[in-house]
Structure formats: structure tokens, C-alpha cells
All heavy atoms as atom14 arrays in JSON, in Angstrom:
{
  "sequence": "TYDAFWKQRSLWRFMDKVRCAVLNVGGWFDAEDPVGPFHIYRAVEQRN",
  "atom14_mask": [
    [1, 1, 1, 1, 1, 1, 1, 0, 0, 0, 0, 0, 0, 0],
    [1, 1, 1, 1, 1, 1, 1, 1, 1, 1, 1, 1, 0, 0],
    [1, 1, 1, 1, 1, 1, 1, 1, 0, 0, 0, 0, 0, 0],
    [1, 1, 1, 1, 1, 0, 0, 0, 0, 0, 0, 0, 0, 0],
    [1, 1, 1, 1, 1, 1, 1, 1, 1, 1, 1, 0, 0, 0],
    [1, 1, 1, 1, 1, 1, 1, 1, 1, 1, 1, 1, 1, 1],
    [1, 1, 1, 1, 1, 1, 1, 1, 1, 0, 0, 0, 0, 0],
    [1, 1, 1, 1, 1, 1, 1, 1, 1, 0, 0, 0, 0, 0],
    [1, 1, 1, 1, 1, 1, 1, 1, 1, 1, 1, 0, 0, 0],
    [1, 1, 1, 1, 1, 1, 0, 0, 0, 0, 0, 0, 0, 0],
    [1, 1, 1, 1, 1, 1, 1, 1, 0, 0, 0, 0, 0, 0],
    [1, 1, 1, 1, 1, 1, 1, 1, 1, 1, 1, 1, 1, 1],
    [1, 1, 1, 1, 1, 1, 1, 1, 1, 1, 1, 0, 0, 0],
    [1, 1, 1, 1, 1, 1, 1, 1, 1, 1, 1, 0, 0, 0],
    [1, 1, 1, 1, 1, 1, 1, 1, 0, 0, 0, 0, 0, 0],
    [1, 1, 1, 1, 1, 1, 1, 1, 0, 0, 0, 0, 0, 0],
    [1, 1, 1, 1, 1, 1, 1, 1, 1, 0, 0, 0, 0, 0],
    [1, 1, 1, 1, 1, 1, 1, 0, 0, 0, 0, 0, 0, 0],
    [1, 1, 1, 1, 1, 1, 1, 1, 1, 1, 1, 0, 0, 0],
    [1, 1, 1, 1, 1, 1, 0, 0, 0, 0, 0, 0, 0, 0],
    [1, 1, 1, 1, 1, 0, 0, 0, 0, 0, 0, 0, 0, 0],
    [1, 1, 1, 1, 1, 1, 1, 0, 0, 0, 0, 0, 0, 0],
    [1, 1, 1, 1, 1, 1, 1, 1, 0, 0, 0, 0, 0, 0],
    [1, 1, 1, 1, 1, 1, 1, 1, 0, 0, 0, 0, 0, 0],
    [1, 1, 1, 1, 1, 1, 1, 0, 0, 0, 0, 0, 0, 0],
    [1, 1, 1, 1, 0, 0, 0, 0, 0, 0, 0, 0, 0, 0],
    [1, 1, 1, 1, 0, 0, 0, 0, 0, 0, 0, 0, 0, 0],
    [1, 1, 1, 1, 1, 1, 1, 1, 1, 1, 1, 1, 1, 1],
    [1, 1, 1, 1, 1, 1, 1, 1, 1, 1, 1, 0, 0, 0],
    [1, 1, 1, 1, 1, 1, 1, 1, 0, 0, 0, 0, 0, 0],
    [1, 1, 1, 1, 1, 0, 0, 0, 0, 0, 0, 0, 0, 0],
    [1, 1, 1, 1, 1, 1, 1, 1, 1, 0, 0, 0, 0, 0],
    [1, 1, 1, 1, 1, 1, 1, 1, 0, 0, 0, 0, 0, 0],
    [1, 1, 1, 1, 1, 1, 1, 0, 0, 0, 0, 0, 0, 0],
    [1, 1, 1, 1, 1, 1, 1, 0, 0, 0, 0, 0, 0, 0],
    [1, 1, 1, 1, 0, 0, 0, 0, 0, 0, 0, 0, 0, 0],
    [1, 1, 1, 1, 1, 1, 1, 0, 0, 0, 0, 0, 0, 0],
    [1, 1, 1, 1, 1, 1, 1, 1, 1, 1, 1, 0, 0, 0],
    [1, 1, 1, 1, 1, 1, 1, 1, 1, 1, 0, 0, 0, 0],
    [1, 1, 1, 1, 1, 1, 1, 1, 0, 0, 0, 0, 0, 0],
    [1, 1, 1, 1, 1, 1, 1, 1, 1, 1, 1, 1, 0, 0],
    [1, 1, 1, 1, 1, 1, 1, 1, 1, 1, 1, 0, 0, 0],
    [1, 1, 1, 1, 1, 0, 0, 0, 0, 0, 0, 0, 0, 0],
    [1, 1, 1, 1, 1, 1, 1, 0, 0, 0, 0, 0, 0, 0],
    [1, 1, 1, 1, 1, 1, 1, 1, 1, 0, 0, 0, 0, 0],
    [1, 1, 1, 1, 1, 1, 1, 1, 1, 0, 0, 0, 0, 0],
    [1, 1, 1, 1, 1, 1, 1, 1, 1, 1, 1, 0, 0, 0],
    [1, 1, 1, 1, 1, 1, 1, 1, 0, 0, 0, 0, 0, 0]
  ],
  "atom14_positions": [
    [[0.77, -1.2, 0.02], [-0.05, 0.07, 0.05], [0.81, 1.28, 0.09], [2.08, 1.2, 0.21], [-0.89, 0.08, 1.26], [-0.2, 0.12, 2.36], [-1.82, -1.19, 1.27], [0.0, 0.0, 0.0], [0.0, 0.0, 0.0], [0.0, 0.0, 0.0], [0.0, 0.0, 0.0], [0.0, 0.0, 0.0], [0.0, 0.0, 0.0], [0.0, 0.0, 0.0]],
    [[0.29, 2.42, -0.28], [1.03, 3.69, -0.28], [1.26, 4.13, 1.1], [0.51, 5.1, 1.54], [0.28, 4.66, -1.2], [1.05, 5.79, -1.61], [2.42, 5.72, -2.05], [0.57, 7.16, -1.7], [3.23, 6.72, -2.44], [1.24, 8.19, -2.16], [2.62, 8.01, -2.63], [3.34, 9.05, -2.93], [0.0, 0.0, 0.0], [0.0, 0.0, 0.0]],
    [[2.2, 3.51, 1.82], [2.37, 3.71, 3.2], [3.58, 4.69, 3.4], [4.12, 5.28, 2.42], [2.57, 2.52, 4.06], [3.71, 1.63, 3.51], [4.52, 2.16, 2.68], [3.85, 0.54, 3.94], [0.0, 0.0, 0.0], [0.0, 0.0, 0.0], [0.0, 0.0, 0.0], [0.0, 0.0, 0.0], [0.0, 0.0, 0.0], [0.0, 0.0, 0.0]],
    [[3.97, 4.95, 4.64], [5.03, 5.97, 4.94], [6.36, 5.47, 4.26], [7.22, 6.4, 3.98], [5.25, 6.07, 6.4], [0.0, 0.0, 0.0], [0.0, 0.0, 0.0], [0.0, 0.0, 0.0], [0.0, 0.0, 0.0], [0.0, 0.0, 0.0], [0.0, 0.0, 0.0], [0.0, 0.0, 0.0], [0.0, 0.0, 0.0], [0.0, 0.0, 0.0]],
    [[6.57, 4.17, 4.16], [7.73, 3.67, 3.46], [7.87, 4.37, 2.06], [9.02, 4.72, 1.66], [7.68, 2.22, 3.32], [8.82, 1.61, 2.6], [9.97, 1.21, 3.23], [8.81, 1.24, 1.2], [11.17, 0.71, 2.54], [9.84, 0.72, 0.49], [10.94, 0.39, 1.13], [0.0, 0.0, 0.0], [0.0, 0.0, 0.0], [0.0, 0.0, 0.0]],
    [[6.8, 4.39, 1.36], [6.89, 4.92, -0.06], [6.81, 6.46, 0.01], [7.53, 7.11, -0.73], [5.57, 4.34, -0.81], [5.71, 2.88, -1.04], [4.89, 2.0, -0.53], [6.75, 2.19, -1.77], [5.3, 0.7, -0.89], [6.44, 0.79, -1.77], [7.92, 2.53, -2.58], [7.15, -0.22, -2.31], [8.63, 1.58, -3.09], [8.24, 0.17, -3.05]],
    [[5.94, 7.1, 0.75], [5.76, 8.5, 0.81], [7.05, 9.23, 1.13], [7.25, 10.3, 0.56], [4.67, 8.87, 1.77], [3.21, 8.43, 1.29], [2.09, 8.73, 2.26], [0.81, 8.22, 1.84], [-0.32, 8.5, 2.84], [0.0, 0.0, 0.0], [0.0, 0.0, 0.0], [0.0, 0.0, 0.0], [0.0, 0.0, 0.0], [0.0, 0.0, 0.0]],
    [[7.83, 8.73, 2.07], [9.08, 9.46, 2.37], [10.11, 9.32, 1.3], [11.18, 10.01, 1.35], [9.65, 8.96, 3.77], [10.07, 7.56, 3.8], [10.45, 7.14, 5.15], [10.54, 7.97, 6.06], [10.66, 5.81, 5.34], [0.0, 0.0, 0.0], [0.0, 0.0, 0.0], [0.0, 0.0, 0.0], [0.0, 0.0, 0.0], [0.0, 0.0, 0.0]],
    [[9.81, 8.46, 0.36], [10.78, 8.32, -0.84], [10.27, 9.04, -2.04], [10.81, 8.94, -3.21], [10.98, 6.88, -1.07], [11.85, 6.03, -0.1], [11.8, 4.54, -0.18], [12.88, 3.91, 0.49], [12.77, 3.71, 1.86], [11.72, 4.08, 2.48], [13.83, 3.11, 2.44], [0.0, 0.0, 0.0], [0.0, 0.0, 0.0], [0.0, 0.0, 0.0]],
    [[9.06, 9.54, -1.95], [8.4, 10.25, -3.08], [8.89, 11.69, -3.2], [8.4, 12.7, -2.58], [6.89, 10.22, -2.9], [6.47, 8.95, -2.83], [0.0, 0.0, 0.0], [0.0, 0.0, 0.0], [0.0, 0.0, 0.0], [0.0, 0.0, 0.0], [0.0, 0.0, 0.0], [0.0, 0.0, 0.0], [0.0, 0.0, 0.0], [0.0, 0.0, 0.0]],
    [[9.97, 11.85, -3.99], [10.75, 13.11, -4.1], [9.85, 14.31, -4.39], [10.12, 15.48, -3.87], [11.96, 13.03, -4.89], [13.09, 12.26, -4.39], [14.16, 12.29, -5.47], [13.7, 12.91, -3.16], [0.0, 0.0, 0.0], [0.0, 0.0, 0.0], [0.0, 0.0, 0.0], [0.0, 0.0, 0.0], [0.0, 0.0, 0.0], [0.0, 0.0, 0.0]],
    [[8.93, 14.12, -5.25], [8.06, 15.21, -5.72], [7.43, 16.0, -4.57], [7.12, 17.14, -4.74], [7.12, 14.76, -6.78], [6.13, 13.69, -6.35], [6.27, 12.35, -6.27], [4.88, 14.09, -5.74], [5.19, 11.75, -5.72], [4.24, 12.72, -5.47], [4.13, 15.16, -5.44], [2.96, 12.68, -4.8], [2.86, 15.09, -4.85], [2.32, 13.82, -4.52]],
    [[7.19, 15.3, -3.52], [6.54, 15.94, -2.33], [7.42, 17.02, -1.6], [6.96, 17.76, -0.83], [6.14, 14.9, -1.29], [5.12, 13.92, -1.75], [5.01, 12.72, -0.75], [3.71, 11.9, -1.16], [2.65, 11.98, -0.64], [2.45, 13.01, 0.18], [1.64, 11.21, -0.99], [0.0, 0.0, 0.0], [0.0, 0.0, 0.0], [0.0, 0.0, 0.0]],
    [[8.77, 16.95, -1.93], [9.72, 17.85, -1.17], [10.38, 18.82, -2.04], [11.47, 19.37, -1.69], [10.62, 16.94, -0.39], [10.04, 15.81, 0.28], [10.16, 14.46, -0.05], [9.35, 16.07, 1.32], [9.6, 13.4, 0.55], [8.65, 14.95, 2.14], [8.81, 13.69, 1.69], [0.0, 0.0, 0.0], [0.0, 0.0, 0.0], [0.0, 0.0, 0.0]],
    [[9.97, 19.09, -3.19], [10.62, 19.93, -4.2], [10.68, 21.48, -3.91], [10.11, 22.23, -4.63], [10.17, 19.68, -5.66], [10.53, 18.48, -6.3], [12.4, 18.45, -6.55], [12.79, 16.93, -6.24], [0.0, 0.0, 0.0], [0.0, 0.0, 0.0], [0.0, 0.0, 0.0], [0.0, 0.0, 0.0], [0.0, 0.0, 0.0], [0.0, 0.0, 0.0]],
    [[11.25, 21.8, -2.78], [11.25, 23.16, -2.27], [12.7, 23.81, -2.4], [13.68, 23.02, -2.3], [10.77, 23.29, -0.85], [9.32, 22.9, -0.63], [8.49, 23.37, -1.52], [9.02, 22.02, 0.21], [0.0, 0.0, 0.0], [0.0, 0.0, 0.0], [0.0, 0.0, 0.0], [0.0, 0.0, 0.0], [0.0, 0.0, 0.0], [0.0, 0.0, 0.0]],
    [[12.74, 25.09, -2.49], [14.1, 25.79, -2.54], [15.0, 25.34, -3.64], [16.27, 25.09, -3.46], [14.81, 25.69, -1.13], [13.98, 26.3, -0.01], [14.72, 26.19, 1.28], [13.85, 26.71, 2.5], [14.5, 26.56, 3.8], [0.0, 0.0, 0.0], [0.0, 0.0, 0.0], [0.0, 0.0, 0.0], [0.0, 0.0, 0.0], [0.0, 0.0, 0.0]],
    [[14.39, 25.03, -4.79], [15.22, 24.66, -5.99], [15.71, 26.03, -6.59], [14.96, 26.9, -6.92], [14.35, 23.93, -6.99], [15.13, 23.65, -8.32], [13.75, 22.68, -6.5], [0.0, 0.0, 0.0], [0.0, 0.0, 0.0], [0.0, 0.0, 0.0], [0.0, 0.0, 0.0], [0.0, 0.0, 0.0], [0.0, 0.0, 0.0], [0.0, 0.0, 0.0]],
    [[17.08, 26.1, -6.68], [17.67, 27.32, -7.05], [18.48, 27.16, -8.35], [18.98, 28.18, -8.8], [18.78, 27.68, -6.0], [18.07, 27.87, -4.61], [19.19, 28.37, -3.55], [18.61, 28.51, -2.26], [18.57, 27.52, -1.24], [19.18, 26.35, -1.6], [18.04, 27.82, -0.14], [0.0, 0.0, 0.0], [0.0, 0.0, 0.0], [0.0, 0.0, 0.0]],
    [[18.44, 26.04, -9.0], [19.21, 25.82, -10.18], [18.31, 25.63, -11.35], [17.05, 25.35, -11.28], [20.16, 24.58, -10.17], [19.21, 23.03, -9.72], [0.0, 0.0, 0.0], [0.0, 0.0, 0.0], [0.0, 0.0, 0.0], [0.0, 0.0, 0.0], [0.0, 0.0, 0.0], [0.0, 0.0, 0.0], [0.0, 0.0, 0.0], [0.0, 0.0, 0.0]],
    [[18.77, 25.78, -12.62], [18.01, 25.43, -13.84], [17.78, 23.89, -13.85], [18.81, 23.15, -13.54], [18.72, 25.94, -15.01], [0.0, 0.0, 0.0], [0.0, 0.0, 0.0], [0.0, 0.0, 0.0], [0.0, 0.0, 0.0], [0.0, 0.0, 0.0], [0.0, 0.0, 0.0], [0.0, 0.0, 0.0], [0.0, 0.0, 0.0], [0.0, 0.0, 0.0]],
    [[16.66, 23.42, -14.29], [16.33, 21.99, -14.33], [15.83, 21.64, -15.68], [15.02, 22.24, -16.33], [15.2, 21.65, -13.33], [14.97, 20.17, -13.23], [15.59, 22.2, -11.92], [0.0, 0.0, 0.0], [0.0, 0.0, 0.0], [0.0, 0.0, 0.0], [0.0, 0.0, 0.0], [0.0, 0.0, 0.0], [0.0, 0.0, 0.0], [0.0, 0.0, 0.0]],
    [[16.5, 20.55, -16.22], [16.04, 19.96, -17.53], [15.63, 18.5, -17.22], [16.42, 17.62, -16.93], [17.23, 19.89, -18.48], [16.91, 19.32, -19.89], [15.98, 20.25, -20.67], [18.14, 19.09, -20.6], [0.0, 0.0, 0.0], [0.0, 0.0, 0.0], [0.0, 0.0, 0.0], [0.0, 0.0, 0.0], [0.0, 0.0, 0.0], [0.0, 0.0, 0.0]],
    [[14.3, 18.33, -17.17], [13.61, 16.98, -16.96], [13.62, 16.23, -18.31], [13.08, 16.74, -19.3], [12.34, 17.15, -16.34], [12.35, 17.96, -15.08], [12.6, 17.44, -13.99], [11.99, 19.33, -15.18], [0.0, 0.0, 0.0], [0.0, 0.0, 0.0], [0.0, 0.0, 0.0], [0.0, 0.0, 0.0], [0.0, 0.0, 0.0], [0.0, 0.0, 0.0]],
    [[13.99, 15.0, -18.24], [14.15, 14.19, -19.5], [13.47, 12.88, -19.24], [13.71, 12.26, -18.27], [15.64, 14.03, -19.91], [15.7, 13.26, -21.3], [16.23, 15.44, -20.04], [0.0, 0.0, 0.0], [0.0, 0.0, 0.0], [0.0, 0.0, 0.0], [0.0, 0.0, 0.0], [0.0, 0.0, 0.0], [0.0, 0.0, 0.0], [0.0, 0.0, 0.0]],
    [[12.72, 12.38, -20.22], [12.17, 11.06, -20.31], [11.85, 10.62, -21.6], [11.99, 11.27, -22.67], [0.0, 0.0, 0.0], [0.0, 0.0, 0.0], [0.0, 0.0, 0.0], [0.0, 0.0, 0.0], [0.0, 0.0, 0.0], [0.0, 0.0, 0.0], [0.0, 0.0, 0.0], [0.0, 0.0, 0.0], [0.0, 0.0, 0.0], [0.0, 0.0, 0.0]],
    [[11.35, 9.31, -21.66], [10.88, 8.69, -22.86], [9.48, 8.28, -22.9], [8.99, 7.78, -21.87], [0.0, 0.0, 0.0], [0.0, 0.0, 0.0], [0.0, 0.0, 0.0], [0.0, 0.0, 0.0], [0.0, 0.0, 0.0], [0.0, 0.0, 0.0], [0.0, 0.0, 0.0], [0.0, 0.0, 0.0], [0.0, 0.0, 0.0], [0.0, 0.0, 0.0]],
    [[8.75, 8.57, -24.04], [7.35, 8.16, -24.13], [7.23, 6.65, -23.96], [6.17, 6.08, -23.56], [6.89, 8.6, -25.44], [6.67, 10.06, -25.65], [7.15, 10.76, -26.68], [6.05, 10.94, -24.84], [6.78, 12.08, -26.57], [6.04, 12.2, -25.43], [5.22, 10.87, -23.68], [5.42, 13.38, -24.96], [4.66, 11.94, -23.08], [4.75, 13.19, -23.66]],
    [[8.27, 5.88, -24.25], [8.31, 4.38, -24.22], [9.12, 3.82, -23.11], [9.7, 2.71, -23.23], [8.57, 3.79, -25.62], [7.83, 4.39, -26.73], [8.3, 5.17, -27.75], [6.4, 4.25, -26.73], [7.75, 5.7, -28.79], [5.56, 4.77, -27.77], [6.27, 5.46, -28.81], [0.0, 0.0, 0.0], [0.0, 0.0, 0.0], [0.0, 0.0, 0.0]],
    [[9.37, 4.59, -22.04], [10.16, 4.16, -20.94], [9.36, 3.13, -20.11], [8.29, 3.4, -19.51], [10.53, 5.3, -20.06], [11.56, 4.93, -19.0], [11.66, 3.74, -18.56], [12.29, 5.89, -18.61], [0.0, 0.0, 0.0], [0.0, 0.0, 0.0], [0.0, 0.0, 0.0], [0.0, 0.0, 0.0], [0.0, 0.0, 0.0], [0.0, 0.0, 0.0]],
    [[9.79, 1.83, -20.18], [9.12, 0.82, -19.55], [9.35, 0.77, -17.98], [8.79, -0.12, -17.29], [9.5, -0.52, -20.12], [0.0, 0.0, 0.0], [0.0, 0.0, 0.0], [0.0, 0.0, 0.0], [0.0, 0.0, 0.0], [0.0, 0.0, 0.0], [0.0, 0.0, 0.0], [0.0, 0.0, 0.0], [0.0, 0.0, 0.0], [0.0, 0.0, 0.0]],
    [[10.28, 1.62, -17.52], [10.66, 1.55, -16.07], [10.18, 2.82, -15.26], [9.55, 2.78, -14.19], [12.11, 1.42, -15.96], [12.57, 0.13, -16.5], [14.14, -0.03, -16.45], [14.7, 0.22, -15.44], [14.7, -0.27, -17.59], [0.0, 0.0, 0.0], [0.0, 0.0, 0.0], [0.0, 0.0, 0.0], [0.0, 0.0, 0.0], [0.0, 0.0, 0.0]],
    [[10.5, 4.03, -15.83], [10.12, 5.28, -15.08], [9.39, 6.27, -16.09], [9.97, 7.32, -16.44], [11.44, 6.02, -14.57], [12.09, 5.0, -13.55], [11.6, 4.8, -12.48], [13.24, 4.63, -13.9], [0.0, 0.0, 0.0], [0.0, 0.0, 0.0], [0.0, 0.0, 0.0], [0.0, 0.0, 0.0], [0.0, 0.0, 0.0], [0.0, 0.0, 0.0]],
    [[8.17, 5.91, -16.44], [7.43, 6.77, -17.43], [6.87, 8.03, -16.77], [6.71, 8.97, -17.62], [6.36, 5.79, -17.79], [6.07, 4.92, -16.67], [7.39, 4.65, -16.04], [0.0, 0.0, 0.0], [0.0, 0.0, 0.0], [0.0, 0.0, 0.0], [0.0, 0.0, 0.0], [0.0, 0.0, 0.0], [0.0, 0.0, 0.0], [0.0, 0.0, 0.0]],
    [[6.67, 8.11, -15.5], [6.05, 9.33, -14.95], [7.03, 10.18, -14.16], [6.64, 11.24, -13.74], [4.84, 8.89, -14.14], [3.82, 8.13, -14.88], [5.13, 8.17, -12.87], [0.0, 0.0, 0.0], [0.0, 0.0, 0.0], [0.0, 0.0, 0.0], [0.0, 0.0, 0.0], [0.0, 0.0, 0.0], [0.0, 0.0, 0.0], [0.0, 0.0, 0.0]],
    [[8.22, 9.59, -13.8], [9.2, 10.4, -13.0], [9.41, 11.77, -13.52], [9.4, 12.8, -12.74], [0.0, 0.0, 0.0], [0.0, 0.0, 0.0], [0.0, 0.0, 0.0], [0.0, 0.0, 0.0], [0.0, 0.0, 0.0], [0.0, 0.0, 0.0], [0.0, 0.0, 0.0], [0.0, 0.0, 0.0], [0.0, 0.0, 0.0], [0.0, 0.0, 0.0]],
    [[9.75, 12.04, -14.75], [9.94, 13.18, -15.32], [8.93, 14.25, -15.07], [9.06, 15.4, -14.8], [10.27, 13.02, -16.8], [10.75, 11.52, -16.87], [9.99, 10.88, -15.83], [0.0, 0.0, 0.0], [0.0, 0.0, 0.0], [0.0, 0.0, 0.0], [0.0, 0.0, 0.0], [0.0, 0.0, 0.0], [0.0, 0.0, 0.0], [0.0, 0.0, 0.0]],
    [[7.66, 13.73, -15.25], [6.46, 14.61, -14.99], [6.23, 15.01, -13.63], [5.9, 16.11, -13.26], [5.23, 14.01, -15.61], [5.23, 13.76, -17.1], [5.48, 12.6, -17.69], [5.01, 14.94, -17.96], [5.53, 12.47, -19.02], [5.02, 14.77, -19.36], [5.37, 13.57, -19.85], [0.0, 0.0, 0.0], [0.0, 0.0, 0.0], [0.0, 0.0, 0.0]],
    [[6.45, 14.0, -12.67], [6.29, 14.25, -11.21], [7.26, 15.44, -10.86], [6.91, 16.41, -10.14], [6.74, 13.06, -10.46], [5.57, 12.09, -10.18], [4.34, 12.51, -9.86], [5.53, 10.75, -10.29], [3.5, 11.49, -9.74], [4.19, 10.38, -9.96], [0.0, 0.0, 0.0], [0.0, 0.0, 0.0], [0.0, 0.0, 0.0], [0.0, 0.0, 0.0]],
    [[8.56, 15.35, -11.22], [9.57, 16.32, -10.84], [9.28, 17.6, -11.54], [9.32, 18.71, -10.94], [10.92, 15.84, -11.17], [11.31, 14.63, -10.38], [11.95, 16.9, -10.79], [11.19, 14.67, -8.9], [0.0, 0.0, 0.0], [0.0, 0.0, 0.0], [0.0, 0.0, 0.0], [0.0, 0.0, 0.0], [0.0, 0.0, 0.0], [0.0, 0.0, 0.0]],
    [[8.93, 17.65, -12.84], [8.71, 18.84, -13.59], [7.48, 19.6, -12.94], [7.61, 20.83, -12.76], [8.37, 18.5, -15.04], [7.84, 19.62, -15.84], [8.64, 20.72, -16.13], [6.5, 19.68, -16.22], [8.13, 21.81, -16.98], [5.92, 20.72, -16.91], [6.81, 21.85, -17.25], [6.2, 22.9, -17.98], [0.0, 0.0, 0.0], [0.0, 0.0, 0.0]],
    [[6.49, 18.92, -12.74], [5.24, 19.67, -12.14], [5.45, 20.13, -10.71], [5.11, 21.2, -10.41], [4.06, 18.67, -12.16], [3.59, 18.47, -13.67], [2.55, 17.46, -13.79], [2.03, 17.44, -15.25], [1.63, 16.39, -15.91], [1.88, 15.15, -15.35], [1.25, 16.41, -17.15], [0.0, 0.0, 0.0], [0.0, 0.0, 0.0], [0.0, 0.0, 0.0]],
    [[6.2, 19.37, -9.97], [6.46, 19.79, -8.59], [7.36, 21.02, -8.57], [7.11, 21.95, -7.78], [6.99, 18.6, -7.76], [0.0, 0.0, 0.0], [0.0, 0.0, 0.0], [0.0, 0.0, 0.0], [0.0, 0.0, 0.0], [0.0, 0.0, 0.0], [0.0, 0.0, 0.0], [0.0, 0.0, 0.0], [0.0, 0.0, 0.0], [0.0, 0.0, 0.0]],
    [[8.44, 20.95, -9.36], [9.38, 22.19, -9.44], [8.53, 23.47, -9.93], [8.63, 24.54, -9.43], [10.55, 21.89, -10.33], [11.33, 23.09, -10.55], [11.47, 20.77, -9.72], [0.0, 0.0, 0.0], [0.0, 0.0, 0.0], [0.0, 0.0, 0.0], [0.0, 0.0, 0.0], [0.0, 0.0, 0.0], [0.0, 0.0, 0.0], [0.0, 0.0, 0.0]],
    [[7.76, 23.25, -10.98], [7.0, 24.3, -11.5], [6.07, 24.87, -10.52], [5.91, 26.13, -10.47], [6.21, 23.68, -12.71], [5.72, 24.75, -13.7], [6.69, 25.33, -14.55], [7.88, 24.92, -14.44], [6.38, 26.22, -15.39], [0.0, 0.0, 0.0], [0.0, 0.0, 0.0], [0.0, 0.0, 0.0], [0.0, 0.0, 0.0], [0.0, 0.0, 0.0]],
    [[5.34, 24.06, -9.77], [4.37, 24.59, -8.81], [4.93, 25.15, -7.56], [4.45, 26.24, -7.05], [3.49, 23.44, -8.41], [2.54, 22.86, -9.51], [1.91, 21.59, -9.21], [2.04, 21.08, -8.16], [1.27, 20.97, -10.14], [0.0, 0.0, 0.0], [0.0, 0.0, 0.0], [0.0, 0.0, 0.0], [0.0, 0.0, 0.0], [0.0, 0.0, 0.0]],
    [[6.05, 24.69, -7.19], [6.63, 25.16, -5.89], [7.83, 26.1, -5.96], [8.27, 26.6, -4.94], [7.08, 23.82, -5.04], [5.92, 22.94, -4.89], [6.37, 21.58, -4.4], [6.78, 21.59, -2.98], [6.08, 20.79, -1.99], [5.08, 20.01, -2.43], [6.4, 20.85, -0.74], [0.0, 0.0, 0.0], [0.0, 0.0, 0.0], [0.0, 0.0, 0.0]],
    [[8.34, 26.29, -7.22], [9.55, 27.2, -7.35], [9.33, 28.16, -8.46], [9.99, 28.07, -9.54], [10.71, 26.35, -7.52], [10.95, 25.38, -6.45], [11.65, 25.73, -5.41], [10.4, 24.07, -6.56], [0.0, 0.0, 0.0], [0.0, 0.0, 0.0], [0.0, 0.0, 0.0], [0.0, 0.0, 0.0], [0.0, 0.0, 0.0], [0.0, 0.0, 0.0]]
  ]
}
């Protein structure tokens, strides 16, 4: 289940005080991490 073990590892929840330029990169056909780039992109966009 989506318990504390996973939530404390969910980086997009903590994307504060980002001071550098960010280039998020991913593949439409990435069989392993298809949503990671969008999680980070949207979190940085909303919080910084």
C-alpha cells in the first residue's frame, strides 16, 4: 500500500528551494520510469 515507506521516498513531495535550472528528461516508451520526469517537472513548476 502507499504507506510511509513509499511516501518518504516520493521526492516530488519535497521539491522546495530549488535554485538551479532544471532539465527534466524522459521517454514516451520508458518501461521503467514513465512518470518520474512529469512528477519532478510539475512539482518544481508549482513550488519554485
